[in-house]
Amino acid sequence: MKLDILVIAAHPDDAELACSGTIAAQVAKGYKVGILDLTKGEMGTRGTPEIRMQESEEASKILGVSIRENLGFKDIFFRDDDSHRLEIVKIIRKYKPEIVLANAVTDRHPDHGKGGAVASNACFMSGLRKIETHFDGIDQAPWRPKYVYHYIQNNYIKPDFVVDITDFWGIKIESIKAFRSQFYDPNNKEPQSFISSAEFLDFVEARSREFGHSIMVKYGEGFTVERTLGITDLFDLK
């Protein structure tokens, strides 16, 4: 299966928190979107890897993504090095996305910056024909995504562009709440975490309203770019 967009995320729920409105909007337009989680989030305060995989599956159905895979990198301990990059290269060459959405370039959680960097470096390496990879015993051809964009996570970063997700806000929240082990649930007796309070979901909404306000819509999601965007028609700008 060829994808139009591949979202690469350090942890299960990164994609849902930061860019699930954009995912849902692109799926609604008929694009094939997939998610690649790098870790199972096993170092998180709440839940287990098994629970988080179940939650990921539920969230994927809500968003309507075409595929979701998990590379099983070690949470917290994975590195932006050749061995990790090559595993991502195999997935990029397998699905041949035109666009990759990756973790924030820097953030409160160190895995997010690492995730953004390893994904970006893998996208470049994937286009080098002298780097040989194999998947299921088959030689893979080089493939480089045309664009790499970074979604914005906990820390505020001024976006280079904002996607209007107003019509998909309900789907975004539903996909986030699929991760019941991680977010606010008054019946959950596990230790509190940075993201498990009711106020954290208020923050998620406030951030989306802030980005939406910047483009004069109700809800938005912001992204940064690695290279200058080009257009041929000024009326493409909104």
Protein backbone atom coordinates (compact mmCIF):
# COMPACT_ATOMS: atom_id res chain seq x y z
CA MET A 1 0.00 0.00 0.00
CA LYS A 2 1.26 3.45 -0.89
CA LEU A 3 0.49 6.20 1.59
CA ASP A 4 -0.01 9.87 0.90
CA ILE A 5 0.96 10.87 4.44
CA LEU A 6 2.95 9.04 7.13
CA VAL A 7 2.82 10.39 10.69
CA ILE A 8 5.86 9.37 12.72
CA ALA A 9 5.45 9.61 16.50
CA ALA A 10 7.78 8.83 19.39
CA HIS A 11 4.91 7.52 21.54
CA PRO A 12 1.41 6.18 21.07
CA ASP A 13 -0.88 9.22 21.58
CA ASP A 14 1.65 11.80 20.27
CA ALA A 15 -0.12 11.87 16.91
CA GLU A 16 -3.55 12.08 18.53
CA LEU A 17 -2.59 14.98 20.79
CA ALA A 18 -0.74 17.03 18.20
CA CYS A 19 -2.16 16.38 14.74
CA SER A 20 -5.19 14.07 14.82
CA GLY A 21 -7.44 16.83 13.50
CA THR A 22 -5.18 17.18 10.49
CA ILE A 23 -5.12 13.40 10.04
CA ALA A 24 -8.93 13.22 10.11
CA ALA A 25 -9.22 16.15 7.70
CA GLN A 26 -6.88 14.52 5.18
CA VAL A 27 -8.60 11.13 5.48
CA ALA A 28 -11.92 12.88 4.79
CA LYS A 29 -10.42 14.26 1.56
CA GLY A 30 -9.61 10.73 0.42
CA TYR A 31 -5.90 10.66 1.25
CA LYS A 32 -4.31 7.51 2.64
CA VAL A 33 -2.72 8.28 6.01
CA GLY A 34 -0.69 5.97 8.24
CA ILE A 35 0.91 6.25 11.67
CA LEU A 36 4.29 4.86 12.72
CA ASP A 37 4.84 4.83 16.48
CA LEU A 38 8.48 4.44 17.43
CA THR A 39 7.97 3.12 20.99
CA LYS A 40 5.19 1.50 23.02
CA GLY A 41 5.42 4.20 25.69
CA GLU A 42 6.45 1.61 28.26
CA MET A 43 8.17 4.16 30.50
CA GLY A 44 4.97 6.15 30.97
CA THR A 45 3.62 6.60 34.50
CA ARG A 46 0.30 4.93 33.72
CA GLY A 47 -0.84 1.95 31.70
CA THR A 48 1.14 -0.90 30.13
CA PRO A 49 2.50 -1.48 26.62
CA GLU A 50 -0.29 -4.00 26.01
CA ILE A 51 -2.99 -1.53 27.05
CA ARG A 52 -1.46 1.22 24.96
CA MET A 53 -1.41 -1.00 21.89
CA GLN A 54 -5.12 -1.69 22.37
CA GLU A 55 -5.76 2.03 22.79
CA SER A 56 -3.74 2.78 19.65
CA GLU A 57 -5.88 0.35 17.68
CA GLU A 58 -9.07 2.03 18.89
CA ALA A 59 -7.73 5.50 18.12
CA SER A 60 -6.69 4.36 14.64
CA LYS A 61 -10.23 3.20 13.89
CA ILE A 62 -11.62 6.54 15.05
CA LEU A 63 -9.23 8.43 12.77
CA GLY A 64 -9.70 6.09 9.82
CA VAL A 65 -5.99 5.64 9.14
CA SER A 66 -4.96 3.03 6.58
CA ILE A 67 -2.16 1.47 8.62
CA ARG A 68 -0.52 1.78 12.02
CA GLU A 69 2.76 0.14 12.94
CA ASN A 70 5.02 0.22 15.99
CA LEU A 71 8.79 -0.25 15.75
CA GLY A 72 9.21 -1.15 19.42
CA PHE A 73 12.15 1.19 20.06
CA LYS A 74 13.05 1.53 23.74
CA ASP A 75 11.05 4.35 25.30
CA ILE A 76 13.38 7.11 26.60
CA PHE A 77 16.49 5.15 25.57
CA PHE A 78 16.19 5.17 21.76
CA ARG A 79 18.69 7.33 19.93
CA ASP A 80 18.97 9.27 16.70
CA ASP A 81 21.60 6.96 15.26
CA ASP A 82 22.10 4.88 12.13
CA SER A 83 20.50 1.69 13.44
CA HIS A 84 17.28 3.45 14.46
CA ARG A 85 17.19 5.56 11.30
CA LEU A 86 17.49 2.46 9.11
CA GLU A 87 14.46 0.83 10.73
CA ILE A 88 12.44 3.93 9.87
CA VAL A 89 13.90 3.96 6.35
CA LYS A 90 12.44 0.48 5.80
CA ILE A 91 8.96 1.75 6.68
CA ILE A 92 9.31 4.85 4.51
CA ARG A 93 10.38 2.73 1.54
CA LYS A 94 7.59 0.25 2.27
CA TYR A 95 4.79 2.85 2.16
CA LYS A 96 6.36 5.59 -0.02
CA PRO A 97 4.61 8.60 1.58
CA GLU A 98 4.66 11.96 -0.18
CA ILE A 99 4.50 13.81 3.16
CA VAL A 100 5.86 12.92 6.60
CA LEU A 101 4.56 14.56 9.77
CA ALA A 102 7.08 14.19 12.60
CA ASN A 103 7.48 15.10 16.25
CA ALA A 104 8.22 18.65 17.34
CA VAL A 105 11.78 19.84 16.76
CA THR A 106 12.10 20.43 20.53
CA ASP A 107 9.77 19.83 23.45
CA ARG A 108 9.38 19.14 27.17
CA HIS A 109 9.77 15.38 26.66
CA PRO A 110 13.25 14.58 25.27
CA ASP A 111 11.87 11.75 23.12
CA HIS A 112 9.88 14.27 21.09
CA GLY A 113 12.92 16.20 19.87
CA LYS A 114 14.78 12.93 19.27
CA GLY A 115 11.75 11.52 17.45
CA GLY A 116 11.57 14.55 15.19
CA ALA A 117 15.28 14.37 14.42
CA VAL A 118 15.49 10.63 13.76
CA ALA A 119 12.44 10.81 11.48
CA SER A 120 13.84 13.74 9.51
CA ASN A 121 17.24 12.10 9.08
CA ALA A 122 15.60 8.83 8.03
CA CYS A 123 13.58 10.66 5.38
CA PHE A 124 16.80 11.95 3.83
CA MET A 125 18.63 8.64 4.07
CA SER A 126 15.67 6.83 2.51
CA GLY A 127 16.36 8.60 -0.77
CA LEU A 128 19.98 7.46 -1.03
CA ARG A 129 20.25 4.58 -3.48
CA LYS A 130 23.53 3.31 -1.99
CA ILE A 131 21.82 2.61 1.33
CA GLU A 132 20.45 -0.88 0.88
CA THR A 133 17.50 -2.16 2.87
CA HIS A 134 15.37 -5.28 2.68
CA PHE A 135 11.83 -5.93 3.87
CA ASP A 136 10.39 -9.46 4.04
CA GLY A 137 13.36 -10.64 2.00
CA ILE A 138 12.74 -8.15 -0.82
CA ASP A 139 15.20 -5.44 -1.87
CA GLN A 140 13.72 -1.98 -1.33
CA ALA A 141 14.01 0.89 -3.80
CA PRO A 142 15.03 4.38 -2.61
CA TRP A 143 12.19 6.76 -1.71
CA ARG A 144 12.34 10.25 -0.25
CA PRO A 145 9.18 12.06 0.92
CA LYS A 146 8.70 15.41 -0.78
CA TYR A 147 7.94 17.26 2.47
CA VAL A 148 8.68 16.84 6.17
CA TYR A 149 6.60 18.92 8.57
CA HIS A 150 6.88 18.93 12.35
CA TYR A 151 3.78 19.12 14.52
CA ILE A 152 3.86 21.23 17.69
CA GLN A 153 3.46 19.50 21.04
CA ASN A 154 3.60 20.69 24.64
CA ASN A 155 5.98 23.64 24.33
CA TYR A 156 4.80 26.60 22.29
CA ILE A 157 6.59 27.01 18.96
CA LYS A 158 5.48 29.67 16.49
CA PRO A 159 3.95 27.69 13.61
CA ASP A 160 4.94 28.22 9.99
CA PHE A 161 1.41 27.20 8.97
CA VAL A 162 -1.83 26.22 10.69
CA VAL A 163 -4.40 23.67 9.52
CA ASP A 164 -8.08 24.42 10.12
CA ILE A 165 -9.44 21.41 12.04
CA THR A 166 -12.71 22.97 13.19
CA ASP A 167 -14.90 20.38 11.46
CA PHE A 168 -12.80 17.55 12.94
CA TRP A 169 -12.47 18.72 16.53
CA GLY A 170 -14.86 16.06 17.81
CA ILE A 171 -12.85 13.30 16.13
CA LYS A 172 -9.62 14.68 17.59
CA ILE A 173 -10.98 14.60 21.14
CA GLU A 174 -12.49 11.14 20.66
CA SER A 175 -9.15 9.79 19.42
CA ILE A 176 -7.31 11.29 22.41
CA LYS A 177 -9.80 9.85 24.86
CA ALA A 178 -9.27 6.41 23.34
CA PHE A 179 -6.08 6.42 25.43
CA ARG A 180 -8.04 5.95 28.65
CA SER A 181 -5.02 4.84 30.63
CA GLN A 182 -3.21 8.11 29.95
CA PHE A 183 -5.73 10.92 30.23
CA TYR A 184 -8.24 12.13 32.77
CA ASP A 185 -10.41 9.41 34.27
CA PRO A 186 -11.71 9.96 37.82
CA ASN A 187 -11.96 6.17 38.28
CA ASN A 188 -8.31 5.50 37.44
CA LYS A 189 -6.37 4.81 40.65
CA GLU A 190 -2.90 4.83 39.09
CA PRO A 191 -0.45 7.63 40.04
CA GLN A 192 -1.14 11.05 38.58
CA SER A 193 1.00 12.09 35.63
CA PHE A 194 1.71 15.30 33.76
CA ILE A 195 -1.05 14.52 31.22
CA SER A 196 -3.65 12.78 33.37
CA SER A 197 -5.37 15.82 34.90
CA ALA A 198 -8.59 17.34 33.57
CA GLU A 199 -6.67 20.60 33.17
CA PHE A 200 -4.36 19.01 30.61
CA LEU A 201 -7.25 18.40 28.20
CA ASP A 202 -8.28 22.02 28.80
CA PHE A 203 -4.77 22.99 27.70
CA VAL A 204 -5.09 20.88 24.54
CA GLU A 205 -8.27 22.73 23.65
CA ALA A 206 -6.78 26.11 24.51
CA ARG A 207 -3.77 25.45 22.26
CA SER A 208 -6.05 24.42 19.37
CA ARG A 209 -8.19 27.52 19.91
CA GLU A 210 -5.06 29.68 19.96
CA PHE A 211 -3.80 28.27 16.67
CA GLY A 212 -7.30 28.47 15.20
CA HIS A 213 -7.62 32.09 16.28
CA SER A 214 -4.40 32.91 14.43
CA ILE A 215 -6.09 31.98 11.12
CA MET A 216 -9.58 33.20 12.12
CA VAL A 217 -11.18 29.77 12.63
CA LYS A 218 -12.27 28.00 15.81
CA TYR A 219 -9.69 25.22 16.04
CA GLY A 220 -6.31 24.70 14.41
CA GLU A 221 -3.13 22.63 14.55
CA GLY A 222 0.26 24.20 13.96
CA PHE A 223 3.29 22.88 12.08
CA THR A 224 6.83 23.99 11.39
CA VAL A 225 8.73 23.40 8.16
CA GLU A 226 12.30 22.41 7.38
CA ARG A 227 12.53 24.44 4.20
CA THR A 228 10.64 27.37 2.75
CA LEU A 229 7.26 26.60 1.28
CA GLY A 230 6.72 27.69 -2.32
CA ILE A 231 3.51 28.61 -4.13
CA THR A 232 2.60 29.61 -7.66
CA ASP A 233 -0.58 31.54 -6.88
CA LEU A 234 -1.02 34.15 -4.14
CA PHE A 235 -4.63 33.02 -3.82
CA ASP A 236 -3.40 29.70 -2.44
CA LEU A 237 -2.71 31.63 0.78
CA LYS A 238 -5.60 31.85 3.23
